[in-house]
Amino acid sequence: LPTLMMMYVIFGFSAQDADTSGNLSMNLSCKVIEIGNDVFKKGLDERQIEHYAAKIEHPLRKIAHMTEYFILALTVSLPFHVYGLRGLPLMLAAGIVCVAFAAGDEYHQSFVAGRGPSVTDVGIDSVGVFLGILSVQILCWIFFVSARAAKKNTYIEKASGS
């Protein structure tokens, strides 16, 4: 269910026409600059905020792409890991699902007004996918190793009569 919800969110963002998507990105960029202005007490006026927001809008869009697919990869790979898929097979299975969705999503954008598919965006999405899958592998390895060690210590204590 979390995977389907994340796919729905990504699909929803991709279904926005170019103007709506651009306005959302610019508004978010302005918010980021406004927060930075407040935190660092820079005293920027509205024109300066818009100037700096325009400079960060493109990188912020790409970070959003990576973040969406990072979360998607978490929701895809965690159940695979729980049900026993580990290592390279996990990376391949979850990677194929997520990257195929990214490619399909970019194709979907070719039908949206003012938008088009981008191989670069699939590449950026794939970086988020890789980082998400790697995060699941590392966190689950740490968690399961700790759980096995605790279980082993309990078994040794019982066996030694402590």
N, C-alpha and C. Protein backbone atom coordinates (compact mmCIF):
# COMPACT_ATOMS: atom_id res chain seq x y z
N LEU A 1 0.82 -1.20 0.00
CA LEU A 1 0.00 0.00 0.00
C LEU A 1 0.87 1.28 0.00
N PRO A 2 1.92 1.36 0.83
CA PRO A 2 2.76 2.57 0.76
C PRO A 2 3.38 2.78 -0.64
N THR A 3 3.74 1.68 -1.30
CA THR A 3 4.30 1.80 -2.64
C THR A 3 3.28 2.39 -3.61
N LEU A 4 2.07 1.88 -3.56
CA LEU A 4 1.02 2.39 -4.45
C LEU A 4 0.70 3.85 -4.14
N MET A 5 0.70 4.21 -2.86
CA MET A 5 0.46 5.61 -2.49
C MET A 5 1.56 6.52 -3.04
N MET A 6 2.82 6.07 -2.94
CA MET A 6 3.92 6.88 -3.44
C MET A 6 3.86 7.00 -4.96
N MET A 7 3.50 5.90 -5.63
CA MET A 7 3.35 5.96 -7.09
C MET A 7 2.24 6.94 -7.48
N TYR A 8 1.18 6.96 -6.71
CA TYR A 8 0.07 7.88 -6.97
C TYR A 8 0.53 9.33 -6.81
N VAL A 9 1.31 9.61 -5.76
CA VAL A 9 1.83 10.96 -5.53
C VAL A 9 2.72 11.39 -6.70
N ILE A 10 3.64 10.52 -7.10
CA ILE A 10 4.55 10.84 -8.21
C ILE A 10 3.75 11.07 -9.49
N PHE A 11 2.80 10.19 -9.77
CA PHE A 11 1.96 10.32 -10.97
C PHE A 11 1.20 11.65 -10.93
N GLY A 12 0.71 12.03 -9.75
CA GLY A 12 -0.03 13.29 -9.61
C GLY A 12 0.83 14.50 -9.94
N PHE A 13 2.08 14.50 -9.45
CA PHE A 13 2.98 15.60 -9.78
C PHE A 13 3.27 15.64 -11.27
N SER A 14 3.43 14.47 -11.87
CA SER A 14 3.74 14.41 -13.31
C SER A 14 2.56 14.80 -14.18
N ALA A 15 1.37 14.69 -13.65
CA ALA A 15 0.17 15.02 -14.42
C ALA A 15 -0.10 16.53 -14.44
N GLN A 16 0.65 17.30 -13.66
CA GLN A 16 0.47 18.75 -13.66
C GLN A 16 1.02 19.33 -14.96
N ASP A 17 0.30 20.30 -15.52
CA ASP A 17 0.82 20.94 -16.72
C ASP A 17 2.05 21.77 -16.36
N ALA A 18 2.76 22.23 -17.37
CA ALA A 18 4.04 22.92 -17.15
C ALA A 18 3.89 24.16 -16.27
N ASP A 19 2.83 24.93 -16.48
CA ASP A 19 2.64 26.15 -15.68
C ASP A 19 2.40 25.82 -14.21
N THR A 20 1.54 24.86 -13.95
CA THR A 20 1.23 24.47 -12.57
C THR A 20 2.48 23.93 -11.88
N SER A 21 3.20 23.06 -12.58
CA SER A 21 4.41 22.47 -12.02
C SER A 21 5.47 23.55 -11.76
N GLY A 22 5.64 24.44 -12.71
CA GLY A 22 6.60 25.53 -12.56
C GLY A 22 6.25 26.45 -11.41
N ASN A 23 4.96 26.79 -11.28
CA ASN A 23 4.53 27.64 -10.17
C ASN A 23 4.77 26.97 -8.83
N LEU A 24 4.49 25.67 -8.75
CA LEU A 24 4.73 24.93 -7.51
C LEU A 24 6.21 24.97 -7.14
N SER A 25 7.07 24.73 -8.12
CA SER A 25 8.52 24.75 -7.88
C SER A 25 8.99 26.13 -7.45
N MET A 26 8.49 27.15 -8.12
CA MET A 26 8.91 28.52 -7.79
C MET A 26 8.42 28.91 -6.40
N ASN A 27 7.18 28.54 -6.06
CA ASN A 27 6.66 28.85 -4.72
C ASN A 27 7.47 28.15 -3.65
N LEU A 28 7.84 26.90 -3.89
CA LEU A 28 8.66 26.16 -2.93
C LEU A 28 10.04 26.80 -2.81
N SER A 29 10.61 27.20 -3.92
CA SER A 29 11.92 27.86 -3.90
C SER A 29 11.85 29.16 -3.11
N CYS A 30 10.78 29.93 -3.30
CA CYS A 30 10.60 31.17 -2.54
C CYS A 30 10.51 30.88 -1.04
N LYS A 31 9.77 29.83 -0.69
CA LYS A 31 9.64 29.46 0.73
C LYS A 31 10.99 29.11 1.33
N VAL A 32 11.81 28.36 0.58
CA VAL A 32 13.14 27.99 1.07
C VAL A 32 13.97 29.23 1.31
N ILE A 33 13.96 30.17 0.36
CA ILE A 33 14.73 31.41 0.51
C ILE A 33 14.18 32.25 1.66
N GLU A 34 12.85 32.32 1.79
CA GLU A 34 12.25 33.08 2.90
C GLU A 34 12.65 32.50 4.25
N ILE A 35 12.65 31.19 4.36
CA ILE A 35 13.05 30.56 5.62
C ILE A 35 14.52 30.86 5.91
N GLY A 36 15.36 30.72 4.88
CA GLY A 36 16.78 31.07 5.06
C GLY A 36 16.96 32.52 5.44
N ASN A 37 16.17 33.40 4.83
CA ASN A 37 16.22 34.82 5.14
C ASN A 37 15.85 35.07 6.60
N ASP A 38 14.82 34.38 7.08
CA ASP A 38 14.38 34.54 8.47
C ASP A 38 15.40 33.96 9.45
N VAL A 39 15.91 32.77 9.14
CA VAL A 39 16.85 32.11 10.04
C VAL A 39 18.16 32.89 10.14
N PHE A 40 18.68 33.32 9.01
CA PHE A 40 19.97 34.00 8.99
C PHE A 40 19.86 35.52 9.06
N LYS A 41 18.62 36.02 9.18
CA LYS A 41 18.35 37.45 9.33
C LYS A 41 19.12 38.29 8.29
N LYS A 42 18.92 37.93 7.01
CA LYS A 42 19.61 38.62 5.93
C LYS A 42 18.91 39.90 5.48
N GLY A 43 17.63 40.04 5.78
CA GLY A 43 16.90 41.24 5.41
C GLY A 43 16.67 41.39 3.91
N LEU A 44 16.47 40.29 3.22
CA LEU A 44 16.22 40.34 1.78
C LEU A 44 14.83 40.91 1.51
N ASP A 45 14.73 41.72 0.46
CA ASP A 45 13.40 42.22 0.06
C ASP A 45 12.77 41.21 -0.90
N GLU A 46 11.54 41.46 -1.30
CA GLU A 46 10.78 40.54 -2.16
C GLU A 46 11.50 40.27 -3.49
N ARG A 47 12.06 41.31 -4.08
CA ARG A 47 12.76 41.16 -5.36
C ARG A 47 13.98 40.27 -5.20
N GLN A 48 14.74 40.44 -4.13
CA GLN A 48 15.92 39.61 -3.89
C GLN A 48 15.53 38.15 -3.61
N ILE A 49 14.44 37.97 -2.87
CA ILE A 49 13.96 36.61 -2.60
C ILE A 49 13.62 35.92 -3.91
N GLU A 50 12.90 36.60 -4.79
CA GLU A 50 12.54 36.01 -6.09
C GLU A 50 13.78 35.74 -6.94
N HIS A 51 14.77 36.62 -6.86
CA HIS A 51 16.01 36.44 -7.61
C HIS A 51 16.72 35.15 -7.16
N TYR A 52 16.89 34.99 -5.86
CA TYR A 52 17.57 33.80 -5.34
C TYR A 52 16.72 32.54 -5.53
N ALA A 53 15.41 32.69 -5.43
CA ALA A 53 14.51 31.54 -5.65
C ALA A 53 14.65 31.04 -7.08
N ALA A 54 14.77 31.94 -8.03
CA ALA A 54 14.94 31.54 -9.43
C ALA A 54 16.25 30.79 -9.63
N LYS A 55 17.27 31.15 -8.86
CA LYS A 55 18.57 30.47 -8.97
C LYS A 55 18.53 29.04 -8.43
N ILE A 56 17.72 28.81 -7.39
CA ILE A 56 17.70 27.47 -6.79
C ILE A 56 16.56 26.59 -7.30
N GLU A 57 15.67 27.16 -8.11
CA GLU A 57 14.49 26.39 -8.53
C GLU A 57 14.85 25.12 -9.29
N HIS A 58 15.76 25.20 -10.25
CA HIS A 58 16.11 24.01 -11.03
C HIS A 58 16.77 22.92 -10.16
N PRO A 59 17.79 23.26 -9.37
CA PRO A 59 18.37 22.22 -8.50
C PRO A 59 17.35 21.66 -7.50
N LEU A 60 16.45 22.51 -7.01
CA LEU A 60 15.43 22.04 -6.07
C LEU A 60 14.48 21.04 -6.74
N ARG A 61 14.14 21.28 -8.00
CA ARG A 61 13.30 20.33 -8.76
C ARG A 61 13.99 18.98 -8.88
N LYS A 62 15.28 19.00 -9.15
CA LYS A 62 16.02 17.75 -9.32
C LYS A 62 16.16 17.02 -7.97
N ILE A 63 16.35 17.75 -6.90
CA ILE A 63 16.40 17.15 -5.57
C ILE A 63 15.04 16.54 -5.23
N ALA A 64 13.97 17.21 -5.64
CA ALA A 64 12.63 16.66 -5.42
C ALA A 64 12.45 15.35 -6.18
N HIS A 65 12.96 15.29 -7.41
CA HIS A 65 12.91 14.04 -8.20
C HIS A 65 13.61 12.92 -7.42
N MET A 66 14.83 13.19 -6.98
CA MET A 66 15.58 12.16 -6.26
C MET A 66 14.86 11.74 -4.98
N THR A 67 14.29 12.70 -4.27
CA THR A 67 13.62 12.40 -3.01
C THR A 67 12.38 11.54 -3.24
N GLU A 68 11.59 11.87 -4.25
CA GLU A 68 10.41 11.06 -4.57
C GLU A 68 10.79 9.60 -4.81
N TYR A 69 11.82 9.42 -5.60
CA TYR A 69 12.22 8.05 -5.96
C TYR A 69 13.00 7.37 -4.85
N PHE A 70 13.65 8.13 -3.99
CA PHE A 70 14.26 7.56 -2.79
C PHE A 70 13.17 6.93 -1.91
N ILE A 71 12.10 7.68 -1.70
CA ILE A 71 10.98 7.18 -0.89
C ILE A 71 10.32 5.99 -1.57
N LEU A 72 10.12 6.07 -2.88
CA LEU A 72 9.55 4.94 -3.61
C LEU A 72 10.41 3.69 -3.43
N ALA A 73 11.72 3.85 -3.55
CA ALA A 73 12.63 2.71 -3.39
C ALA A 73 12.54 2.12 -1.99
N LEU A 74 12.39 2.97 -0.98
CA LEU A 74 12.21 2.46 0.38
C LEU A 74 10.96 1.60 0.47
N THR A 75 9.87 2.11 -0.09
CA THR A 75 8.59 1.39 0.01
C THR A 75 8.57 0.11 -0.82
N VAL A 76 9.40 0.04 -1.85
CA VAL A 76 9.47 -1.17 -2.67
C VAL A 76 10.44 -2.18 -2.05
N SER A 77 11.62 -1.72 -1.64
CA SER A 77 12.66 -2.66 -1.22
C SER A 77 12.49 -3.18 0.21
N LEU A 78 11.87 -2.43 1.09
CA LEU A 78 11.70 -2.92 2.46
C LEU A 78 10.86 -4.20 2.51
N PRO A 79 9.71 -4.26 1.85
CA PRO A 79 8.97 -5.54 1.86
C PRO A 79 9.75 -6.68 1.21
N PHE A 80 10.48 -6.39 0.13
CA PHE A 80 11.31 -7.43 -0.48
C PHE A 80 12.31 -7.97 0.53
N HIS A 81 12.94 -7.07 1.27
CA HIS A 81 13.94 -7.47 2.26
C HIS A 81 13.32 -8.30 3.37
N VAL A 82 12.17 -7.85 3.86
CA VAL A 82 11.48 -8.56 4.94
C VAL A 82 11.13 -9.99 4.53
N TYR A 83 10.78 -10.17 3.26
CA TYR A 83 10.41 -11.50 2.78
C TYR A 83 11.59 -12.29 2.21
N GLY A 84 12.81 -11.84 2.52
CA GLY A 84 13.98 -12.67 2.26
C GLY A 84 14.84 -12.31 1.06
N LEU A 85 14.48 -11.30 0.31
CA LEU A 85 15.30 -10.91 -0.83
C LEU A 85 16.39 -9.99 -0.31
N ARG A 86 17.64 -10.35 -0.53
CA ARG A 86 18.76 -9.59 0.01
C ARG A 86 19.82 -9.37 -1.08
N GLY A 87 20.74 -8.45 -0.79
CA GLY A 87 21.90 -8.25 -1.65
C GLY A 87 21.56 -7.84 -3.06
N LEU A 88 22.31 -8.38 -4.01
CA LEU A 88 22.15 -8.02 -5.41
C LEU A 88 20.75 -8.34 -5.95
N PRO A 89 20.15 -9.50 -5.60
CA PRO A 89 18.79 -9.75 -6.09
C PRO A 89 17.79 -8.67 -5.64
N LEU A 90 17.95 -8.17 -4.42
CA LEU A 90 17.08 -7.08 -3.94
C LEU A 90 17.31 -5.83 -4.77
N MET A 91 18.58 -5.49 -5.00
CA MET A 91 18.87 -4.29 -5.77
C MET A 91 18.31 -4.39 -7.18
N LEU A 92 18.43 -5.57 -7.78
CA LEU A 92 17.91 -5.74 -9.13
C LEU A 92 16.38 -5.68 -9.17
N ALA A 93 15.73 -6.42 -8.28
CA ALA A 93 14.26 -6.45 -8.30
C ALA A 93 13.66 -5.08 -8.00
N ALA A 94 14.09 -4.48 -6.90
CA ALA A 94 13.55 -3.16 -6.53
C ALA A 94 13.98 -2.10 -7.56
N GLY A 95 15.21 -2.21 -8.03
CA GLY A 95 15.70 -1.25 -9.02
C GLY A 95 14.91 -1.32 -10.32
N ILE A 96 14.62 -2.53 -10.78
CA ILE A 96 13.85 -2.68 -12.02
C ILE A 96 12.45 -2.09 -11.85
N VAL A 97 11.80 -2.39 -10.72
CA VAL A 97 10.45 -1.86 -10.48
C VAL A 97 10.47 -0.34 -10.49
N CYS A 98 11.40 0.25 -9.73
CA CYS A 98 11.42 1.70 -9.56
C CYS A 98 11.87 2.43 -10.83
N VAL A 99 12.91 1.93 -11.48
CA VAL A 99 13.40 2.60 -12.69
C VAL A 99 12.40 2.44 -13.83
N ALA A 100 11.74 1.29 -13.90
CA ALA A 100 10.69 1.11 -14.91
C ALA A 100 9.55 2.10 -14.67
N PHE A 101 9.20 2.30 -13.40
CA PHE A 101 8.16 3.28 -13.09
C PHE A 101 8.62 4.69 -13.48
N ALA A 102 9.89 5.01 -13.20
CA ALA A 102 10.43 6.33 -13.56
C ALA A 102 10.36 6.54 -15.08
N ALA A 103 10.75 5.52 -15.84
CA ALA A 103 10.70 5.64 -17.30
C ALA A 103 9.26 5.78 -17.79
N GLY A 104 8.36 4.99 -17.21
CA GLY A 104 6.94 5.09 -17.57
C GLY A 104 6.36 6.44 -17.21
N ASP A 105 6.79 6.97 -16.09
CA ASP A 105 6.31 8.27 -15.65
C ASP A 105 6.79 9.38 -16.59
N GLU A 106 8.03 9.28 -17.03
CA GLU A 106 8.54 10.27 -17.99
C GLU A 106 7.78 10.15 -19.31
N TYR A 107 7.48 8.94 -19.74
CA TYR A 107 6.68 8.75 -20.96
C TYR A 107 5.30 9.39 -20.78
N HIS A 108 4.71 9.18 -19.59
CA HIS A 108 3.40 9.77 -19.28
C HIS A 108 3.44 11.28 -19.44
N GLN A 109 4.56 11.91 -19.08
CA GLN A 109 4.67 13.37 -19.17
C GLN A 109 4.61 13.86 -20.62
N SER A 110 4.88 12.98 -21.57
CA SER A 110 4.81 13.41 -22.97
C SER A 110 3.37 13.71 -23.40
N PHE A 111 2.40 13.29 -22.60
CA PHE A 111 0.99 13.55 -22.90
C PHE A 111 0.44 14.74 -22.10
N VAL A 112 1.28 15.37 -21.30
CA VAL A 112 0.85 16.48 -20.43
C VAL A 112 1.26 17.79 -21.08
N ALA A 113 0.34 18.76 -21.08
CA ALA A 113 0.57 20.06 -21.74
C ALA A 113 1.85 20.73 -21.24
N GLY A 114 2.73 21.05 -22.19
CA GLY A 114 3.95 21.78 -21.87
C GLY A 114 5.05 20.95 -21.24
N ARG A 115 4.83 19.66 -21.09
CA ARG A 115 5.83 18.79 -20.47
C ARG A 115 6.32 17.79 -21.49
N GLY A 116 7.43 17.16 -21.18
CA GLY A 116 7.97 16.15 -22.07
C GLY A 116 8.84 15.18 -21.29
N PRO A 117 9.14 14.05 -21.91
CA PRO A 117 9.99 13.06 -21.23
C PRO A 117 11.45 13.51 -21.20
N SER A 118 12.17 13.05 -20.18
CA SER A 118 13.57 13.41 -20.04
C SER A 118 14.37 12.20 -19.56
N VAL A 119 15.32 11.79 -20.37
CA VAL A 119 16.20 10.69 -19.98
C VAL A 119 17.04 11.12 -18.78
N THR A 120 17.41 12.41 -18.73
CA THR A 120 18.17 12.93 -17.59
C THR A 120 17.39 12.75 -16.30
N ASP A 121 16.09 13.03 -16.34
CA ASP A 121 15.27 12.87 -15.13
C ASP A 121 15.20 11.41 -14.69
N VAL A 122 15.15 10.48 -15.65
CA VAL A 122 15.17 9.05 -15.28
C VAL A 122 16.49 8.73 -14.60
N GLY A 123 17.58 9.31 -15.08
CA GLY A 123 18.88 9.11 -14.44
C GLY A 123 18.91 9.67 -13.03
N ILE A 124 18.36 10.87 -12.85
CA ILE A 124 18.29 11.48 -11.52
C ILE A 124 17.40 10.65 -10.60
N ASP A 125 16.27 10.20 -11.13
CA ASP A 125 15.38 9.32 -10.36
C ASP A 125 16.11 8.05 -9.95
N SER A 126 16.92 7.52 -10.84
CA SER A 126 17.65 6.27 -10.57
C SER A 126 18.67 6.45 -9.45
N VAL A 127 19.26 7.63 -9.35
CA VAL A 127 20.17 7.89 -8.23
C VAL A 127 19.39 7.81 -6.91
N GLY A 128 18.20 8.42 -6.87
CA GLY A 128 17.36 8.32 -5.68
C GLY A 128 16.97 6.89 -5.37
N VAL A 129 16.67 6.11 -6.43
CA VAL A 129 16.32 4.70 -6.26
C VAL A 129 17.49 3.95 -5.64
N PHE A 130 18.68 4.13 -6.19
CA PHE A 130 19.87 3.43 -5.69
C PHE A 130 20.11 3.78 -4.22
N LEU A 131 20.04 5.06 -3.89
CA LEU A 131 20.27 5.48 -2.50
C LEU A 131 19.21 4.92 -1.56
N GLY A 132 17.96 4.85 -2.02
CA GLY A 132 16.88 4.29 -1.20
C GLY A 132 17.08 2.81 -0.94
N ILE A 133 17.42 2.06 -1.99
CA ILE A 133 17.64 0.62 -1.83
C ILE A 133 18.85 0.37 -0.94
N LEU A 134 19.91 1.12 -1.16
CA LEU A 134 21.11 0.98 -0.35
C LEU A 134 20.82 1.29 1.12
N SER A 135 20.01 2.29 1.37
CA SER A 135 19.62 2.64 2.75
C SER A 135 18.89 1.49 3.42
N VAL A 136 17.97 0.88 2.70
CA VAL A 136 17.23 -0.27 3.26
C VAL A 136 18.19 -1.41 3.55
N GLN A 137 19.09 -1.69 2.62
CA GLN A 137 20.05 -2.79 2.83
C GLN A 137 20.90 -2.52 4.07
N ILE A 138 21.42 -1.31 4.22
CA ILE A 138 22.29 -0.99 5.35
C ILE A 138 21.51 -1.02 6.66
N LEU A 139 20.36 -0.35 6.70
CA LEU A 139 19.59 -0.29 7.94
C LEU A 139 19.09 -1.66 8.37
N CYS A 140 18.64 -2.45 7.42
CA CYS A 140 18.17 -3.80 7.77
C CYS A 140 19.32 -4.68 8.20
N TRP A 141 20.48 -4.53 7.57
CA TRP A 141 21.64 -5.31 7.98
C TRP A 141 22.02 -4.96 9.42
N ILE A 142 22.05 -3.67 9.74
CA ILE A 142 22.39 -3.24 11.10
C ILE A 142 21.35 -3.77 12.09
N PHE A 143 20.08 -3.62 11.76
CA PHE A 143 19.02 -4.07 12.65
C PHE A 143 19.05 -5.58 12.86
N PHE A 144 19.16 -6.32 11.77
CA PHE A 144 19.13 -7.78 11.88
C PHE A 144 20.40 -8.33 12.53
N VAL A 145 21.55 -7.72 12.28
CA VAL A 145 22.78 -8.16 12.94
C VAL A 145 22.66 -7.93 14.44
N SER A 146 22.14 -6.77 14.83
CA SER A 146 21.95 -6.48 16.26
C SER A 146 20.97 -7.46 16.89
N ALA A 147 19.90 -7.77 16.18
CA ALA A 147 18.90 -8.72 16.71
C ALA A 147 19.50 -10.11 16.83
N ARG A 148 20.29 -10.53 15.85
CA ARG A 148 20.92 -11.86 15.92
C ARG A 148 21.93 -11.92 17.05
N ALA A 149 22.70 -10.85 17.23
CA ALA A 149 23.69 -10.81 18.31
C ALA A 149 23.01 -10.89 19.67
N ALA A 150 21.91 -10.17 19.83
CA ALA A 150 21.17 -10.20 21.10
C ALA A 150 20.61 -11.60 21.35
N LYS A 151 20.09 -12.21 20.31
CA LYS A 151 19.54 -13.57 20.43
C LYS A 151 20.64 -14.56 20.77
N LYS A 152 21.81 -14.42 20.15
CA LYS A 152 22.94 -15.30 20.41
C LYS A 152 23.40 -15.15 21.85
N ASN A 153 23.48 -13.91 22.35
CA ASN A 153 23.89 -13.67 23.73
C ASN A 153 22.91 -14.29 24.71
N THR A 154 21.61 -14.19 24.42
CA THR A 154 20.59 -14.80 25.28
C THR A 154 20.77 -16.31 25.30
N TYR A 155 21.02 -16.90 24.15
CA TYR A 155 21.21 -18.35 24.05
C TYR A 155 22.46 -18.78 24.83
N ILE A 156 23.55 -18.02 24.71
CA ILE A 156 24.80 -18.35 25.43
C ILE A 156 24.58 -18.24 26.94
N GLU A 157 23.86 -17.20 27.37
CA GLU A 157 23.58 -17.04 28.81
C GLU A 157 22.76 -18.19 29.34
N LYS A 158 21.77 -18.62 28.60
CA LYS A 158 20.93 -19.75 29.04
C LYS A 158 21.74 -21.04 29.07
N ALA A 159 22.59 -21.22 28.07
CA ALA A 159 23.39 -22.45 27.99
C ALA A 159 24.43 -22.53 29.10
N SER A 160 24.95 -21.38 29.52
CA SER A 160 25.98 -21.38 30.56
C SER A 160 25.37 -21.35 31.96
N GLY A 161 24.06 -21.22 32.04
CA GLY A 161 23.38 -21.23 33.34
C GLY A 161 23.42 -19.89 34.06
N SER A 162 23.71 -18.81 33.38
CA SER A 162 23.78 -17.49 34.02
C SER A 162 22.41 -16.97 34.32
